[in-house]
Amino acid sequence: MKLNIVPARTGLEWTRLGVRVFWRQPMALAALFFLSMAAMSLATALPLVGPALALALLPSATLAMMVAAAEASHGRTPTPRVLLVAFRTGRERLQAMLTLGALYAGGFLLIMGLSALIDGGEFASVYLGGQPLTREIAESGDFQLAMWLSLLLYVPLSLLFWHAPGLVHWYGVPPVKALFFSLIACLRNLAAFTVYGLAWMGVFLLAGLLISLLVTLLAGLGLGAGFAGGVMVATAMSLAAMFFTSVVFTFRDSFQAPQWQPPSTEAVPPPEPPPSV
């Protein structure tokens, strides 16, 4: 396995491929993303350990969407079985994925703990769903400072875990090494990831504008607010599923193995790079 350095324009290609592959299997990929989020929401409801458990599931959920996107890119329909892919490829990789989940949960909760030193835990309570966001809270200086600190600290955490699930699953890299390689790969391809982030920001803004116009049109036709709200939620879920679909392409182009060796017969390799990349 070696690190690939890609040009900045590849970030646009990653975004385009995420959208294109999603629309090959929109119902399957959207449903898998919804089921992943539903599982995390159910985990959150558990007393005491719920929020930490939900956070620990995120690397596995990300891997499931990567495998599902790889399936779709190869012309196959991903099934709900991919949701358990992190737990079906042998004891060693299972332990590695559990370790990744624990490390991610610990890192995220540490960030929330640091933000609590500033505002007494208000941002953490709002973000984790334990307290509603009011105008008074949102306008608080301490709350805003805690929010920006959390965002700043979350960036390196995200880079550490961006490629780590794929490295553990497809290349059998130990968890700590996977975090290190993920960080290095993201930093070495920072230009491409910057374009990638800006491209997705543009997609979300454009979609938000179109949905706002659609909701206004529906209101003019006398359709209820509930229907318009349903359209907005469905669009947001689809956009999030598209984004997670594109993650596998960032992984595929950032690493290259000398010879592909799938960890099991059920594992799906990352999609082949198109000639344009």
C-alpha atoms as a PDB file:
ATOM      1  CA  MET A   1       0.000   0.000   0.000  1.00  0.00           C
ATOM      2  CA  LYS A   2       1.288   3.467  -0.858  1.00  0.00           C
ATOM      3  CA  LEU A   3      -0.048   6.984  -0.554  1.00  0.00           C
ATOM      4  CA  ASN A   4      -1.269   8.721  -3.708  1.00  0.00           C
ATOM      5  CA  ILE A   5      -1.012  12.488  -4.144  1.00  0.00           C
ATOM      6  CA  VAL A   6      -3.873  13.715  -6.320  1.00  0.00           C
ATOM      7  CA  PRO A   7      -4.423  17.122  -7.945  1.00  0.00           C
ATOM      8  CA  ALA A   8      -6.842  19.599  -6.395  1.00  0.00           C
ATOM      9  CA  ARG A   9      -9.413  19.098  -9.178  1.00  0.00           C
ATOM     10  CA  THR A  10      -9.883  15.506  -7.989  1.00  0.00           C
ATOM     11  CA  GLY A  11     -12.045  16.930  -5.191  1.00  0.00           C
ATOM     12  CA  LEU A  12     -14.655  17.855  -7.798  1.00  0.00           C
ATOM     13  CA  GLU A  13     -14.456  14.350  -9.238  1.00  0.00           C
ATOM     14  CA  TRP A  14     -15.079  12.822  -5.813  1.00  0.00           C
ATOM     15  CA  THR A  15     -18.195  14.943  -5.429  1.00  0.00           C
ATOM     16  CA  ARG A  16     -19.423  14.127  -8.934  1.00  0.00           C
ATOM     17  CA  LEU A  17     -18.895  10.394  -8.426  1.00  0.00           C
ATOM     18  CA  GLY A  18     -20.722  10.469  -5.083  1.00  0.00           C
ATOM     19  CA  VAL A  19     -23.782  12.049  -6.705  1.00  0.00           C
ATOM     20  CA  ARG A  20     -23.627   9.816  -9.797  1.00  0.00           C
ATOM     21  CA  VAL A  21     -23.242   6.529  -7.909  1.00  0.00           C
ATOM     22  CA  PHE A  22     -25.982   7.485  -5.450  1.00  0.00           C
ATOM     23  CA  TRP A  23     -28.435   7.906  -8.322  1.00  0.00           C
ATOM     24  CA  ARG A  24     -27.581   4.432  -9.583  1.00  0.00           C
ATOM     25  CA  GLN A  25     -29.130   2.970  -6.410  1.00  0.00           C
ATOM     26  CA  PRO A  26     -30.922   5.896  -4.709  1.00  0.00           C
ATOM     27  CA  MET A  27     -33.486   3.878  -2.761  1.00  0.00           C
ATOM     28  CA  ALA A  28     -30.978   1.298  -1.493  1.00  0.00           C
ATOM     29  CA  LEU A  29     -28.306   3.819  -0.483  1.00  0.00           C
ATOM     30  CA  ALA A  30     -30.786   6.229   1.111  1.00  0.00           C
ATOM     31  CA  ALA A  31     -32.392   3.361   3.033  1.00  0.00           C
ATOM     32  CA  LEU A  32     -29.019   2.095   4.267  1.00  0.00           C
ATOM     33  CA  PHE A  33     -28.050   5.566   5.430  1.00  0.00           C
ATOM     34  CA  PHE A  34     -31.407   5.960   7.209  1.00  0.00           C
ATOM     35  CA  LEU A  35     -31.001   2.582   8.913  1.00  0.00           C
ATOM     36  CA  SER A  36     -27.484   3.522  10.047  1.00  0.00           C
ATOM     37  CA  MET A  37     -28.712   6.787  11.553  1.00  0.00           C
ATOM     38  CA  ALA A  38     -31.704   5.022  13.110  1.00  0.00           C
ATOM     39  CA  ALA A  39     -29.422   2.478  14.782  1.00  0.00           C
ATOM     40  CA  MET A  40     -27.300   5.285  16.225  1.00  0.00           C
ATOM     41  CA  SER A  41     -30.422   7.112  17.426  1.00  0.00           C
ATOM     42  CA  LEU A  42     -31.683   3.973  19.152  1.00  0.00           C
ATOM     43  CA  ALA A  43     -28.288   3.519  20.798  1.00  0.00           C
ATOM     44  CA  THR A  44     -28.462   7.093  22.090  1.00  0.00           C
ATOM     45  CA  ALA A  45     -31.678   6.266  23.932  1.00  0.00           C
ATOM     46  CA  LEU A  46     -29.907   3.734  26.144  1.00  0.00           C
ATOM     47  CA  PRO A  47     -29.308   5.047  29.683  1.00  0.00           C
ATOM     48  CA  LEU A  48     -25.820   6.178  30.691  1.00  0.00           C
ATOM     49  CA  VAL A  49     -23.803   4.563  27.882  1.00  0.00           C
ATOM     50  CA  GLY A  50     -26.176   5.500  25.026  1.00  0.00           C
ATOM     51  CA  PRO A  51     -24.438   8.611  23.622  1.00  0.00           C
ATOM     52  CA  ALA A  52     -20.965   7.036  23.838  1.00  0.00           C
ATOM     53  CA  LEU A  53     -22.218   3.854  22.148  1.00  0.00           C
ATOM     54  CA  ALA A  54     -23.815   5.842  19.338  1.00  0.00           C
ATOM     55  CA  LEU A  55     -20.558   7.703  18.733  1.00  0.00           C
ATOM     56  CA  ALA A  56     -18.621   4.420  18.736  1.00  0.00           C
ATOM     57  CA  LEU A  57     -20.887   3.118  15.963  1.00  0.00           C
ATOM     58  CA  LEU A  58     -20.018   5.955  13.566  1.00  0.00           C
ATOM     59  CA  PRO A  59     -16.814   4.393  12.073  1.00  0.00           C
ATOM     60  CA  SER A  60     -18.745   1.164  11.395  1.00  0.00           C
ATOM     61  CA  ALA A  61     -21.624   3.114   9.830  1.00  0.00           C
ATOM     62  CA  THR A  62     -19.165   5.021   7.642  1.00  0.00           C
ATOM     63  CA  LEU A  63     -17.573   1.762   6.524  1.00  0.00           C
ATOM     64  CA  ALA A  64     -21.005   0.309   5.723  1.00  0.00           C
ATOM     65  CA  MET A  65     -21.767   3.247   3.428  1.00  0.00           C
ATOM     66  CA  MET A  66     -18.352   2.923   1.785  1.00  0.00           C
ATOM     67  CA  VAL A  67     -18.955  -0.765   1.062  1.00  0.00           C
ATOM     68  CA  ALA A  68     -22.493  -0.022  -0.163  1.00  0.00           C
ATOM     69  CA  ALA A  69     -21.167   2.683  -2.510  1.00  0.00           C
ATOM     70  CA  ALA A  70     -18.522   0.281  -3.809  1.00  0.00           C
ATOM     71  CA  GLU A  71     -21.261  -2.279  -4.474  1.00  0.00           C
ATOM     72  CA  ALA A  72     -23.343   0.297  -6.351  1.00  0.00           C
ATOM     73  CA  SER A  73     -20.352   1.455  -8.399  1.00  0.00           C
ATOM     74  CA  HIS A  74     -19.839  -2.148  -9.543  1.00  0.00           C
ATOM     75  CA  GLY A  75     -23.453  -2.346 -10.697  1.00  0.00           C
ATOM     76  CA  ARG A  76     -24.722  -4.368  -7.733  1.00  0.00           C
ATOM     77  CA  THR A  77     -27.550  -3.502  -5.366  1.00  0.00           C
ATOM     78  CA  PRO A  78     -26.323  -3.113  -1.777  1.00  0.00           C
ATOM     79  CA  THR A  79     -28.412  -4.954   0.778  1.00  0.00           C
ATOM     80  CA  PRO A  80     -28.883  -4.394   4.527  1.00  0.00           C
ATOM     81  CA  ARG A  81     -26.190  -7.040   5.120  1.00  0.00           C
ATOM     82  CA  VAL A  82     -23.541  -4.373   4.486  1.00  0.00           C
ATOM     83  CA  LEU A  83     -24.585  -2.680   7.724  1.00  0.00           C
ATOM     84  CA  LEU A  84     -22.871  -5.545   9.544  1.00  0.00           C
ATOM     85  CA  VAL A  85     -19.805  -5.687   7.300  1.00  0.00           C
ATOM     86  CA  ALA A  86     -17.570  -4.376  10.088  1.00  0.00           C
ATOM     87  CA  PHE A  87     -18.578  -7.348  12.238  1.00  0.00           C
ATOM     88  CA  ARG A  88     -18.439 -10.124   9.612  1.00  0.00           C
ATOM     89  CA  THR A  89     -14.819 -10.099   8.413  1.00  0.00           C
ATOM     90  CA  GLY A  90     -13.038 -11.988  11.165  1.00  0.00           C
ATOM     91  CA  ARG A  91     -12.203 -11.490  14.816  1.00  0.00           C
ATOM     92  CA  GLU A  92      -9.057  -9.426  14.177  1.00  0.00           C
ATOM     93  CA  ARG A  93     -10.825  -6.826  12.060  1.00  0.00           C
ATOM     94  CA  LEU A  94     -13.803  -6.842  14.401  1.00  0.00           C
ATOM     95  CA  GLN A  95     -11.530  -5.993  17.327  1.00  0.00           C
ATOM     96  CA  ALA A  96      -9.849  -3.300  15.235  1.00  0.00           C
ATOM     97  CA  MET A  97     -13.201  -1.704  14.324  1.00  0.00           C
ATOM     98  CA  LEU A  98     -14.345  -1.816  17.944  1.00  0.00           C
ATOM     99  CA  THR A  99     -11.091  -0.114  18.930  1.00  0.00           C
ATOM    100  CA  LEU A 100     -11.669   2.574  16.299  1.00  0.00           C
ATOM    101  CA  GLY A 101     -15.171   3.125  17.628  1.00  0.00           C
ATOM    102  CA  ALA A 102     -13.946   3.453  21.208  1.00  0.00           C
ATOM    103  CA  LEU A 103     -11.200   5.881  20.176  1.00  0.00           C
ATOM    104  CA  TYR A 104     -13.637   8.004  18.187  1.00  0.00           C
ATOM    105  CA  ALA A 105     -16.146   8.137  21.039  1.00  0.00           C
ATOM    106  CA  GLY A 106     -13.373   9.039  23.473  1.00  0.00           C
ATOM    107  CA  GLY A 107     -12.007  11.771  21.212  1.00  0.00           C
ATOM    108  CA  PHE A 108     -15.428  13.290  20.595  1.00  0.00           C
ATOM    109  CA  LEU A 109     -16.406  13.239  24.252  1.00  0.00           C
ATOM    110  CA  LEU A 110     -13.067  14.852  25.114  1.00  0.00           C
ATOM    111  CA  ILE A 111     -13.905  17.701  22.724  1.00  0.00           C
ATOM    112  CA  MET A 112     -17.306  18.102  24.358  1.00  0.00           C
ATOM    113  CA  GLY A 113     -15.626  18.089  27.761  1.00  0.00           C
ATOM    114  CA  LEU A 114     -13.236  20.847  26.733  1.00  0.00           C
ATOM    115  CA  SER A 115     -16.111  22.935  25.388  1.00  0.00           C
ATOM    116  CA  ALA A 116     -17.912  22.479  28.716  1.00  0.00           C
ATOM    117  CA  LEU A 117     -15.041  24.269  30.453  1.00  0.00           C
ATOM    118  CA  ILE A 118     -16.100  27.404  28.575  1.00  0.00           C
ATOM    119  CA  ASP A 119     -19.902  27.417  28.762  1.00  0.00           C
ATOM    120  CA  GLY A 120     -20.664  24.939  31.532  1.00  0.00           C
ATOM    121  CA  GLY A 121     -21.753  22.223  29.107  1.00  0.00           C
ATOM    122  CA  GLU A 122     -24.560  24.076  27.311  1.00  0.00           C
ATOM    123  CA  PHE A 123     -23.176  23.445  23.814  1.00  0.00           C
ATOM    124  CA  ALA A 124     -22.534  19.785  24.605  1.00  0.00           C
ATOM    125  CA  SER A 125     -26.098  19.380  25.911  1.00  0.00           C
ATOM    126  CA  VAL A 126     -27.596  21.036  22.835  1.00  0.00           C
ATOM    127  CA  TYR A 127     -25.399  19.119  20.383  1.00  0.00           C
ATOM    128  CA  LEU A 128     -26.035  15.746  21.989  1.00  0.00           C
ATOM    129  CA  GLY A 129     -29.779  16.370  22.052  1.00  0.00           C
ATOM    130  CA  GLY A 130     -30.257  16.784  25.776  1.00  0.00           C
ATOM    131  CA  GLN A 131     -31.333  20.428  25.685  1.00  0.00           C
ATOM    132  CA  PRO A 132     -33.304  22.479  23.112  1.00  0.00           C
ATOM    133  CA  LEU A 133     -31.526  25.396  21.427  1.00  0.00           C
ATOM    134  CA  THR A 134     -33.163  28.680  22.367  1.00  0.00           C
ATOM    135  CA  ARG A 135     -32.392  32.136  21.061  1.00  0.00           C
ATOM    136  CA  GLU A 136     -30.997  33.163  24.438  1.00  0.00           C
ATOM    137  CA  ILE A 137     -28.557  30.239  24.445  1.00  0.00           C
ATOM    138  CA  ALA A 138     -27.555  30.742  20.811  1.00  0.00           C
ATOM    139  CA  GLU A 139     -26.734  34.415  21.419  1.00  0.00           C
ATOM    140  CA  SER A 140     -24.603  33.653  24.458  1.00  0.00           C
ATOM    141  CA  GLY A 141     -20.947  34.536  23.992  1.00  0.00           C
ATOM    142  CA  ASP A 142     -19.752  31.511  25.946  1.00  0.00           C
ATOM    143  CA  PHE A 143     -21.981  29.195  23.895  1.00  0.00           C
ATOM    144  CA  GLN A 144     -20.627  30.566  20.617  1.00  0.00           C
ATOM    145  CA  LEU A 145     -17.034  30.307  21.833  1.00  0.00           C
ATOM    146  CA  ALA A 146     -17.607  26.696  22.908  1.00  0.00           C
ATOM    147  CA  MET A 147     -19.159  25.942  19.528  1.00  0.00           C
ATOM    148  CA  TRP A 148     -16.218  27.352  17.553  1.00  0.00           C
ATOM    149  CA  LEU A 149     -13.698  25.600  19.798  1.00  0.00           C
ATOM    150  CA  SER A 150     -15.504  22.295  19.246  1.00  0.00           C
ATOM    151  CA  LEU A 151     -15.534  22.847  15.488  1.00  0.00           C
ATOM    152  CA  LEU A 152     -11.834  23.678  15.474  1.00  0.00           C
ATOM    153  CA  LEU A 153     -10.950  20.591  17.496  1.00  0.00           C
ATOM    154  CA  TYR A 154     -13.257  18.339  15.468  1.00  0.00           C
ATOM    155  CA  VAL A 155     -11.346  18.993  12.225  1.00  0.00           C
ATOM    156  CA  PRO A 156      -8.224  17.003  13.239  1.00  0.00           C
ATOM    157  CA  LEU A 157     -10.430  14.295  14.783  1.00  0.00           C
ATOM    158  CA  SER A 158     -12.284  13.987  11.484  1.00  0.00           C
ATOM    159  CA  LEU A 159      -9.028  13.762   9.511  1.00  0.00           C
ATOM    160  CA  LEU A 160      -7.747  11.031  11.827  1.00  0.00           C
ATOM    161  CA  PHE A 161     -10.834   8.893  11.241  1.00  0.00           C
ATOM    162  CA  TRP A 162     -11.615   9.793   7.614  1.00  0.00           C
ATOM    163  CA  HIS A 163      -9.762   6.868   6.004  1.00  0.00           C
ATOM    164  CA  ALA A 164      -9.253   4.727   9.115  1.00  0.00           C
ATOM    165  CA  PRO A 165     -12.302   2.417   8.702  1.00  0.00           C
ATOM    166  CA  GLY A 166     -11.336   1.639   5.102  1.00  0.00           C
ATOM    167  CA  LEU A 167      -7.688   1.041   6.011  1.00  0.00           C
ATOM    168  CA  VAL A 168      -8.686  -1.384   8.763  1.00  0.00           C
ATOM    169  CA  HIS A 169     -11.274  -3.196   6.659  1.00  0.00           C
ATOM    170  CA  TRP A 170      -9.640  -3.412   3.236  1.00  0.00           C
ATOM    171  CA  TYR A 171      -5.917  -3.350   4.042  1.00  0.00           C
ATOM    172  CA  GLY A 172      -5.839  -4.820   7.550  1.00  0.00           C
ATOM    173  CA  VAL A 173      -3.963  -1.845   9.030  1.00  0.00           C
ATOM    174  CA  PRO A 174      -3.936  -1.764  12.875  1.00  0.00           C
ATOM    175  CA  PRO A 175      -6.175   0.962  14.352  1.00  0.00           C
ATOM    176  CA  VAL A 176      -3.496   3.365  15.602  1.00  0.00           C
ATOM    177  CA  LYS A 177      -1.512   3.107  12.359  1.00  0.00           C
ATOM    178  CA  ALA A 178      -4.744   3.572  10.408  1.00  0.00           C
ATOM    179  CA  LEU A 179      -5.383   6.843  12.250  1.00  0.00           C
ATOM    180  CA  PHE A 180      -1.854   8.050  11.491  1.00  0.00           C
ATOM    181  CA  PHE A 181      -2.033   7.080   7.797  1.00  0.00           C
ATOM    182  CA  SER A 182      -5.464   8.688   7.495  1.00  0.00           C
ATOM    183  CA  LEU A 183      -4.204  11.981   8.899  1.00  0.00           C
ATOM    184  CA  ILE A 184      -1.143  11.992   6.643  1.00  0.00           C
ATOM    185  CA  ALA A 185      -3.194  11.134   3.549  1.00  0.00           C
ATOM    186  CA  CYS A 186      -5.657  13.955   4.254  1.00  0.00           C
ATOM    187  CA  LEU A 187      -2.903  16.491   4.872  1.00  0.00           C
ATOM    188  CA  ARG A 188      -0.922  15.471   1.781  1.00  0.00           C
ATOM    189  CA  ASN A 189      -4.085  15.802  -0.314  1.00  0.00           C
ATOM    190  CA  LEU A 190      -5.320  18.902   1.494  1.00  0.00           C
ATOM    191  CA  ALA A 191      -5.905  20.822  -1.744  1.00  0.00           C
ATOM    192  CA  ALA A 192      -8.157  18.095  -3.131  1.00  0.00           C
ATOM    193  CA  PHE A 193     -10.050  17.822   0.165  1.00  0.00           C
ATOM    194  CA  THR A 194     -10.499  21.599   0.277  1.00  0.00           C
ATOM    195  CA  VAL A 195     -12.052  21.558  -3.206  1.00  0.00           C
ATOM    196  CA  TYR A 196     -14.110  18.528  -2.170  1.00  0.00           C
ATOM    197  CA  GLY A 197     -15.460  20.349   0.869  1.00  0.00           C
ATOM    198  CA  LEU A 198     -16.237  23.501  -1.109  1.00  0.00           C
ATOM    199  CA  ALA A 199     -17.952  21.464  -3.814  1.00  0.00           C
ATOM    200  CA  TRP A 200     -20.217  19.757  -1.297  1.00  0.00           C
ATOM    201  CA  MET A 201     -20.931  23.098   0.333  1.00  0.00           C
ATOM    202  CA  GLY A 202     -22.074  24.347  -3.067  1.00  0.00           C
ATOM    203  CA  VAL A 203     -24.256  21.257  -3.585  1.00  0.00           C
ATOM    204  CA  PHE A 204     -25.946  21.722  -0.206  1.00  0.00           C
ATOM    205  CA  LEU A 205     -26.487  25.455  -0.750  1.00  0.00           C
ATOM    206  CA  LEU A 206     -27.941  24.907  -4.229  1.00  0.00           C
ATOM    207  CA  ALA A 207     -30.201  22.143  -2.964  1.00  0.00           C
ATOM    208  CA  GLY A 208     -31.319  24.359  -0.079  1.00  0.00           C
ATOM    209  CA  LEU A 209     -32.214  27.147  -2.498  1.00  0.00           C
ATOM    210  CA  LEU A 210     -34.183  24.804  -4.761  1.00  0.00           C
ATOM    211  CA  ILE A 211     -36.041  23.269  -1.833  1.00  0.00           C
ATOM    212  CA  SER A 212     -36.919  26.726  -0.493  1.00  0.00           C
ATOM    213  CA  LEU A 213     -38.396  27.642  -3.877  1.00  0.00           C
ATOM    214  CA  LEU A 214     -40.272  24.332  -4.005  1.00  0.00           C
ATOM    215  CA  VAL A 215     -41.684  24.797  -0.502  1.00  0.00           C
ATOM    216  CA  THR A 216     -42.841  28.307  -1.433  1.00  0.00           C
ATOM    217  CA  LEU A 217     -44.515  26.913  -4.557  1.00  0.00           C
ATOM    218  CA  LEU A 218     -46.207  24.141  -2.576  1.00  0.00           C
ATOM    219  CA  ALA A 219     -47.474  26.668  -0.040  1.00  0.00           C
ATOM    220  CA  GLY A 220     -48.891  28.735  -2.895  1.00  0.00           C
ATOM    221  CA  LEU A 221     -50.749  25.680  -4.152  1.00  0.00           C
ATOM    222  CA  GLY A 222     -52.320  25.219  -0.737  1.00  0.00           C
ATOM    223  CA  LEU A 223     -50.426  22.089   0.290  1.00  0.00           C
ATOM    224  CA  GLY A 224     -49.879  21.648   4.017  1.00  0.00           C
ATOM    225  CA  ALA A 225     -46.734  22.515   5.932  1.00  0.00           C
ATOM    226  CA  GLY A 226     -46.373  18.850   6.889  1.00  0.00           C
ATOM    227  CA  PHE A 227     -45.918  17.831   3.261  1.00  0.00           C
ATOM    228  CA  ALA A 228     -43.334  20.567   2.705  1.00  0.00           C
ATOM    229  CA  GLY A 229     -41.511  19.491   5.855  1.00  0.00           C
ATOM    230  CA  GLY A 230     -41.438  15.919   4.616  1.00  0.00           C
ATOM    231  CA  VAL A 231     -39.869  17.053   1.346  1.00  0.00           C
ATOM    232  CA  MET A 232     -37.190  18.968   3.229  1.00  0.00           C
ATOM    233  CA  VAL A 233     -36.349  16.002   5.484  1.00  0.00           C
ATOM    234  CA  ALA A 234     -36.212  13.583   2.530  1.00  0.00           C
ATOM    235  CA  THR A 235     -33.933  15.939   0.622  1.00  0.00           C
ATOM    236  CA  ALA A 236     -31.614  16.413   3.595  1.00  0.00           C
ATOM    237  CA  MET A 237     -31.360  12.640   4.103  1.00  0.00           C
ATOM    238  CA  SER A 238     -30.647  12.075   0.421  1.00  0.00           C
ATOM    239  CA  LEU A 239     -27.935  14.736   0.360  1.00  0.00           C
ATOM    240  CA  ALA A 240     -26.291  13.255   3.444  1.00  0.00           C
ATOM    241  CA  ALA A 241     -26.414   9.792   1.840  1.00  0.00           C
ATOM    242  CA  MET A 242     -24.795  11.218  -1.316  1.00  0.00           C
ATOM    243  CA  PHE A 243     -22.018  12.722   0.764  1.00  0.00           C
ATOM    244  CA  PHE A 244     -21.296   9.435   2.526  1.00  0.00           C
ATOM    245  CA  THR A 245     -21.437   7.660  -0.835  1.00  0.00           C
ATOM    246  CA  SER A 246     -18.591   9.865  -2.060  1.00  0.00           C
ATOM    247  CA  VAL A 247     -16.285   8.973   0.857  1.00  0.00           C
ATOM    248  CA  VAL A 248     -15.185   5.695  -0.743  1.00  0.00           C
ATOM    249  CA  PHE A 249     -13.808   7.584  -3.749  1.00  0.00           C
ATOM    250  CA  THR A 250     -11.629   9.759  -1.536  1.00  0.00           C
ATOM    251  CA  PHE A 251     -10.267   6.558  -0.004  1.00  0.00           C
ATOM    252  CA  ARG A 252      -9.795   4.801  -3.336  1.00  0.00           C
ATOM    253  CA  ASP A 253      -7.708   7.612  -4.814  1.00  0.00           C
ATOM    254  CA  SER A 254      -5.642   8.288  -1.688  1.00  0.00           C
ATOM    255  CA  PHE A 255      -4.167   4.782  -1.350  1.00  0.00           C
ATOM    256  CA  GLN A 256      -2.890   2.170  -3.753  1.00  0.00           C
ATOM    257  CA  ALA A 257      -2.078  -1.419  -2.853  1.00  0.00           C
ATOM    258  CA  PRO A 258       0.493  -3.328  -4.953  1.00  0.00           C
ATOM    259  CA  GLN A 259      -1.943  -6.257  -5.184  1.00  0.00           C
ATOM    260  CA  TRP A 260      -5.554  -6.413  -4.088  1.00  0.00           C
ATOM    261  CA  GLN A 261      -6.197  -8.954  -1.335  1.00  0.00           C
ATOM    262  CA  PRO A 262      -9.799  -8.827  -0.055  1.00  0.00           C
ATOM    263  CA  PRO A 263     -10.082  -9.795   3.624  1.00  0.00           C
ATOM    264  CA  SER A 264     -13.038 -12.093   2.990  1.00  0.00           C
ATOM    265  CA  THR A 265     -15.324 -13.320   0.237  1.00  0.00           C
ATOM    266  CA  GLU A 266     -17.981 -10.866   1.397  1.00  0.00           C
ATOM    267  CA  ALA A 267     -15.724  -7.814   1.251  1.00  0.00           C
ATOM    268  CA  VAL A 268     -16.156  -5.490  -1.698  1.00  0.00           C
ATOM    269  CA  PRO A 269     -13.087  -3.717  -3.101  1.00  0.00           C
ATOM    270  CA  PRO A 270     -13.169   0.009  -3.672  1.00  0.00           C
ATOM    271  CA  PRO A 271     -14.380   0.900  -7.172  1.00  0.00           C
ATOM    272  CA  GLU A 272     -11.882   1.014 -10.007  1.00  0.00           C
ATOM    273  CA  PRO A 273     -10.665   4.539 -10.794  1.00  0.00           C
ATOM    274  CA  PRO A 274     -12.189   6.011 -13.962  1.00  0.00           C
ATOM    275  CA  PRO A 275      -9.832   7.058 -16.785  1.00  0.00           C
ATOM    276  CA  SER A 276     -10.430  10.742 -16.014  1.00  0.00           C
ATOM    277  CA  VAL A 277      -8.896  10.542 -12.510  1.00  0.00           C
END
